[in-house]
N, C-alpha and C. Protein backbone atom coordinates (compact mmCIF):
# COMPACT_ATOMS: atom_id res chain seq x y z
N UNK A 1 47.53 64.36 -116.69
CA UNK A 1 47.80 65.47 -115.80
C UNK A 1 48.65 64.98 -114.63
N UNK A 2 49.70 65.71 -114.35
CA UNK A 2 50.59 65.34 -113.27
C UNK A 2 50.12 65.99 -111.97
N UNK A 3 50.06 65.21 -110.93
CA UNK A 3 49.64 65.73 -109.62
C UNK A 3 50.85 66.33 -108.92
N UNK A 4 50.63 67.38 -108.14
CA UNK A 4 51.70 67.98 -107.35
C UNK A 4 51.18 68.22 -105.95
N UNK A 5 52.09 68.49 -105.03
CA UNK A 5 51.71 68.80 -103.66
C UNK A 5 51.60 67.55 -102.82
N UNK A 6 50.78 67.64 -101.76
CA UNK A 6 50.61 66.51 -100.87
C UNK A 6 49.20 66.45 -100.35
N UNK A 7 48.81 65.27 -99.93
CA UNK A 7 47.49 65.04 -99.35
C UNK A 7 47.71 64.29 -98.05
N UNK A 8 46.88 64.60 -97.06
CA UNK A 8 47.01 63.92 -95.77
C UNK A 8 45.61 63.70 -95.18
N UNK A 9 45.41 62.53 -94.60
CA UNK A 9 44.16 62.20 -93.91
C UNK A 9 44.52 61.58 -92.57
N UNK A 10 43.85 62.01 -91.52
CA UNK A 10 44.00 61.40 -90.21
C UNK A 10 42.63 61.02 -89.69
N UNK A 11 42.54 59.81 -89.15
CA UNK A 11 41.27 59.30 -88.63
C UNK A 11 41.50 58.56 -87.31
N UNK A 12 40.57 58.68 -86.38
CA UNK A 12 40.67 57.85 -85.18
C UNK A 12 40.35 56.41 -85.56
N UNK A 13 41.01 55.46 -84.89
CA UNK A 13 40.81 54.05 -85.18
C UNK A 13 41.03 53.25 -83.90
N UNK A 14 40.35 52.14 -83.79
CA UNK A 14 40.55 51.26 -82.63
C UNK A 14 41.67 50.27 -82.95
N UNK A 15 42.47 49.89 -81.98
CA UNK A 15 43.57 48.96 -82.23
C UNK A 15 43.13 47.67 -82.93
N UNK A 16 41.97 47.16 -82.60
CA UNK A 16 41.52 45.91 -83.21
C UNK A 16 41.12 46.09 -84.69
N UNK A 17 40.97 47.34 -85.13
CA UNK A 17 40.61 47.62 -86.53
C UNK A 17 41.83 47.72 -87.45
N UNK A 18 43.03 47.72 -86.89
CA UNK A 18 44.25 47.92 -87.69
C UNK A 18 44.40 46.87 -88.80
N UNK A 19 44.29 45.56 -88.53
CA UNK A 19 44.46 44.59 -89.62
C UNK A 19 43.47 44.79 -90.77
N UNK A 20 42.21 45.03 -90.46
CA UNK A 20 41.21 45.25 -91.50
C UNK A 20 41.49 46.53 -92.28
N UNK A 21 41.97 47.56 -91.59
CA UNK A 21 42.27 48.83 -92.25
C UNK A 21 43.46 48.66 -93.20
N UNK A 22 44.47 47.90 -92.79
CA UNK A 22 45.61 47.65 -93.67
C UNK A 22 45.16 46.90 -94.94
N UNK A 23 44.29 45.94 -94.77
CA UNK A 23 43.76 45.20 -95.92
C UNK A 23 42.99 46.15 -96.85
N UNK A 24 42.14 46.98 -96.26
CA UNK A 24 41.35 47.94 -97.04
C UNK A 24 42.26 48.90 -97.79
N UNK A 25 43.28 49.42 -97.12
CA UNK A 25 44.21 50.35 -97.77
C UNK A 25 44.93 49.68 -98.94
N UNK A 26 45.34 48.43 -98.76
CA UNK A 26 46.01 47.71 -99.83
C UNK A 26 45.11 47.50 -101.03
N UNK A 27 43.87 47.11 -100.79
CA UNK A 27 42.92 46.89 -101.87
C UNK A 27 42.61 48.19 -102.61
N UNK A 28 42.43 49.27 -101.85
CA UNK A 28 42.12 50.55 -102.49
C UNK A 28 43.33 51.09 -103.25
N UNK A 29 44.54 50.89 -102.71
CA UNK A 29 45.75 51.36 -103.40
C UNK A 29 45.89 50.68 -104.76
N UNK A 30 45.53 49.40 -104.83
CA UNK A 30 45.57 48.69 -106.12
C UNK A 30 44.65 49.34 -107.14
N UNK A 31 43.56 49.93 -106.67
CA UNK A 31 42.60 50.58 -107.56
C UNK A 31 43.01 52.02 -107.90
N UNK A 32 44.00 52.56 -107.17
CA UNK A 32 44.50 53.90 -107.47
C UNK A 32 43.87 55.03 -106.68
N UNK A 33 42.95 54.70 -105.77
CA UNK A 33 42.28 55.75 -105.00
C UNK A 33 41.94 55.24 -103.61
N UNK A 34 42.32 56.02 -102.59
CA UNK A 34 41.95 55.69 -101.22
C UNK A 34 40.73 56.51 -100.84
N UNK A 35 39.78 55.89 -100.17
CA UNK A 35 38.60 56.58 -99.66
C UNK A 35 38.62 56.38 -98.15
N UNK A 36 38.89 57.47 -97.43
CA UNK A 36 38.99 57.42 -95.97
C UNK A 36 38.11 58.52 -95.39
N UNK A 37 37.15 58.11 -94.59
CA UNK A 37 36.21 59.11 -94.06
C UNK A 37 35.48 59.72 -95.24
N UNK A 38 35.48 61.03 -95.33
CA UNK A 38 34.81 61.70 -96.45
C UNK A 38 35.83 62.26 -97.45
N UNK A 39 37.08 61.77 -97.40
CA UNK A 39 38.12 62.25 -98.31
C UNK A 39 38.58 61.14 -99.24
N UNK A 40 38.97 61.55 -100.44
CA UNK A 40 39.53 60.64 -101.43
C UNK A 40 40.94 61.11 -101.75
N UNK A 41 41.87 60.17 -101.88
CA UNK A 41 43.24 60.49 -102.24
C UNK A 41 43.64 59.62 -103.42
N UNK A 42 44.04 60.26 -104.51
CA UNK A 42 44.57 59.53 -105.66
C UNK A 42 45.98 59.06 -105.29
N UNK A 43 46.28 57.80 -105.53
CA UNK A 43 47.58 57.28 -105.15
C UNK A 43 48.40 56.82 -106.35
N UNK A 44 48.08 57.33 -107.53
CA UNK A 44 48.96 57.07 -108.65
C UNK A 44 49.88 58.29 -108.79
N UNK A 45 50.99 58.14 -109.43
CA UNK A 45 51.96 59.22 -109.65
C UNK A 45 52.56 59.78 -108.35
N UNK A 46 52.59 59.00 -107.28
CA UNK A 46 53.12 59.52 -106.01
C UNK A 46 54.63 59.34 -105.95
N UNK A 47 55.28 60.23 -105.18
CA UNK A 47 56.69 60.07 -104.86
C UNK A 47 56.84 59.37 -103.52
N UNK A 48 55.99 59.74 -102.56
CA UNK A 48 56.03 59.15 -101.22
C UNK A 48 54.61 58.82 -100.80
N UNK A 49 54.44 57.63 -100.25
CA UNK A 49 53.13 57.17 -99.78
C UNK A 49 53.39 56.53 -98.43
N UNK A 50 52.87 57.14 -97.36
CA UNK A 50 53.13 56.59 -96.03
C UNK A 50 51.82 56.38 -95.26
N UNK A 51 51.82 55.30 -94.49
CA UNK A 51 50.70 54.96 -93.63
C UNK A 51 51.27 54.73 -92.24
N UNK A 52 50.68 55.38 -91.25
CA UNK A 52 51.16 55.14 -89.88
C UNK A 52 49.97 55.03 -88.93
N UNK A 53 50.19 54.25 -87.89
CA UNK A 53 49.22 54.11 -86.81
C UNK A 53 49.93 54.57 -85.55
N UNK A 54 49.33 55.51 -84.83
CA UNK A 54 49.95 56.06 -83.63
C UNK A 54 49.03 55.92 -82.43
N UNK A 55 49.63 55.54 -81.32
CA UNK A 55 48.88 55.51 -80.07
C UNK A 55 48.71 56.95 -79.59
N UNK A 56 47.52 57.28 -79.14
CA UNK A 56 47.25 58.59 -78.56
C UNK A 56 46.56 58.38 -77.22
N UNK A 57 46.38 59.46 -76.47
CA UNK A 57 45.69 59.35 -75.19
C UNK A 57 44.26 58.88 -75.38
N UNK A 58 43.65 59.26 -76.50
CA UNK A 58 42.26 58.90 -76.76
C UNK A 58 42.12 57.55 -77.45
N UNK A 59 43.20 56.89 -77.79
CA UNK A 59 43.12 55.60 -78.47
C UNK A 59 44.22 55.47 -79.50
N UNK A 60 43.84 55.44 -80.76
CA UNK A 60 44.80 55.28 -81.85
C UNK A 60 44.39 56.16 -83.01
N UNK A 61 45.37 56.57 -83.80
CA UNK A 61 45.11 57.43 -84.95
C UNK A 61 45.81 56.86 -86.18
N UNK A 62 45.06 56.81 -87.28
CA UNK A 62 45.60 56.42 -88.58
C UNK A 62 45.98 57.69 -89.32
N UNK A 63 47.17 57.71 -89.91
CA UNK A 63 47.59 58.85 -90.73
C UNK A 63 48.08 58.31 -92.07
N UNK A 64 47.51 58.86 -93.14
CA UNK A 64 47.94 58.51 -94.50
C UNK A 64 48.42 59.80 -95.16
N UNK A 65 49.65 59.76 -95.68
CA UNK A 65 50.21 60.92 -96.37
C UNK A 65 50.71 60.49 -97.74
N UNK A 66 50.35 61.28 -98.74
CA UNK A 66 50.80 61.04 -100.10
C UNK A 66 51.42 62.33 -100.61
N UNK A 67 52.67 62.24 -101.09
CA UNK A 67 53.34 63.39 -101.69
C UNK A 67 53.57 63.11 -103.16
N UNK A 68 53.29 64.12 -103.97
CA UNK A 68 53.50 64.02 -105.41
C UNK A 68 54.71 64.86 -105.77
N UNK A 69 55.35 64.54 -106.88
CA UNK A 69 56.53 65.27 -107.33
C UNK A 69 56.19 66.68 -107.78
N UNK A 70 57.22 67.45 -107.95
CA UNK A 70 57.03 68.81 -108.47
C UNK A 70 56.69 68.72 -109.95
N UNK A 71 55.90 69.68 -110.40
CA UNK A 71 55.52 69.71 -111.81
C UNK A 71 56.77 69.94 -112.65
N UNK A 72 56.91 69.17 -113.72
CA UNK A 72 58.05 69.33 -114.61
C UNK A 72 57.74 70.40 -115.63
N UNK A 73 58.74 71.20 -115.96
CA UNK A 73 58.58 72.22 -116.98
C UNK A 73 58.72 71.56 -118.34
N UNK A 74 57.79 71.86 -119.23
CA UNK A 74 57.91 71.36 -120.60
C UNK A 74 58.93 72.22 -121.32
N UNK A 75 59.95 71.59 -121.88
CA UNK A 75 60.99 72.32 -122.58
C UNK A 75 60.82 72.06 -124.06
N UNK A 76 59.92 72.81 -124.70
CA UNK A 76 59.64 72.65 -126.12
C UNK A 76 60.39 73.66 -126.97
N UNK A 77 61.26 74.44 -126.36
CA UNK A 77 61.96 75.45 -127.12
C UNK A 77 63.08 74.82 -127.94
N UNK A 78 63.21 75.26 -129.16
CA UNK A 78 64.28 74.79 -130.06
C UNK A 78 65.25 75.93 -130.26
N UNK A 79 66.33 75.93 -129.50
CA UNK A 79 67.33 77.02 -129.63
C UNK A 79 68.41 76.65 -130.59
């Protein structure tokens, strides 16, 4: 089954947690599924996979976005 659309997760994070979070994301990506907070994101069949850490007034925020391609039309017609 081909995945379509996009998934996004944002979580607050402390600056000192960034290295451990990057390691965790890498290990989970190898397994094909990210588990962040109470959300799961399948990371196979993606077109775009981005991870960003942003400074905010309240501290820092982790953002993970995964975009999947558009569903392809099956062309089984024999004209």
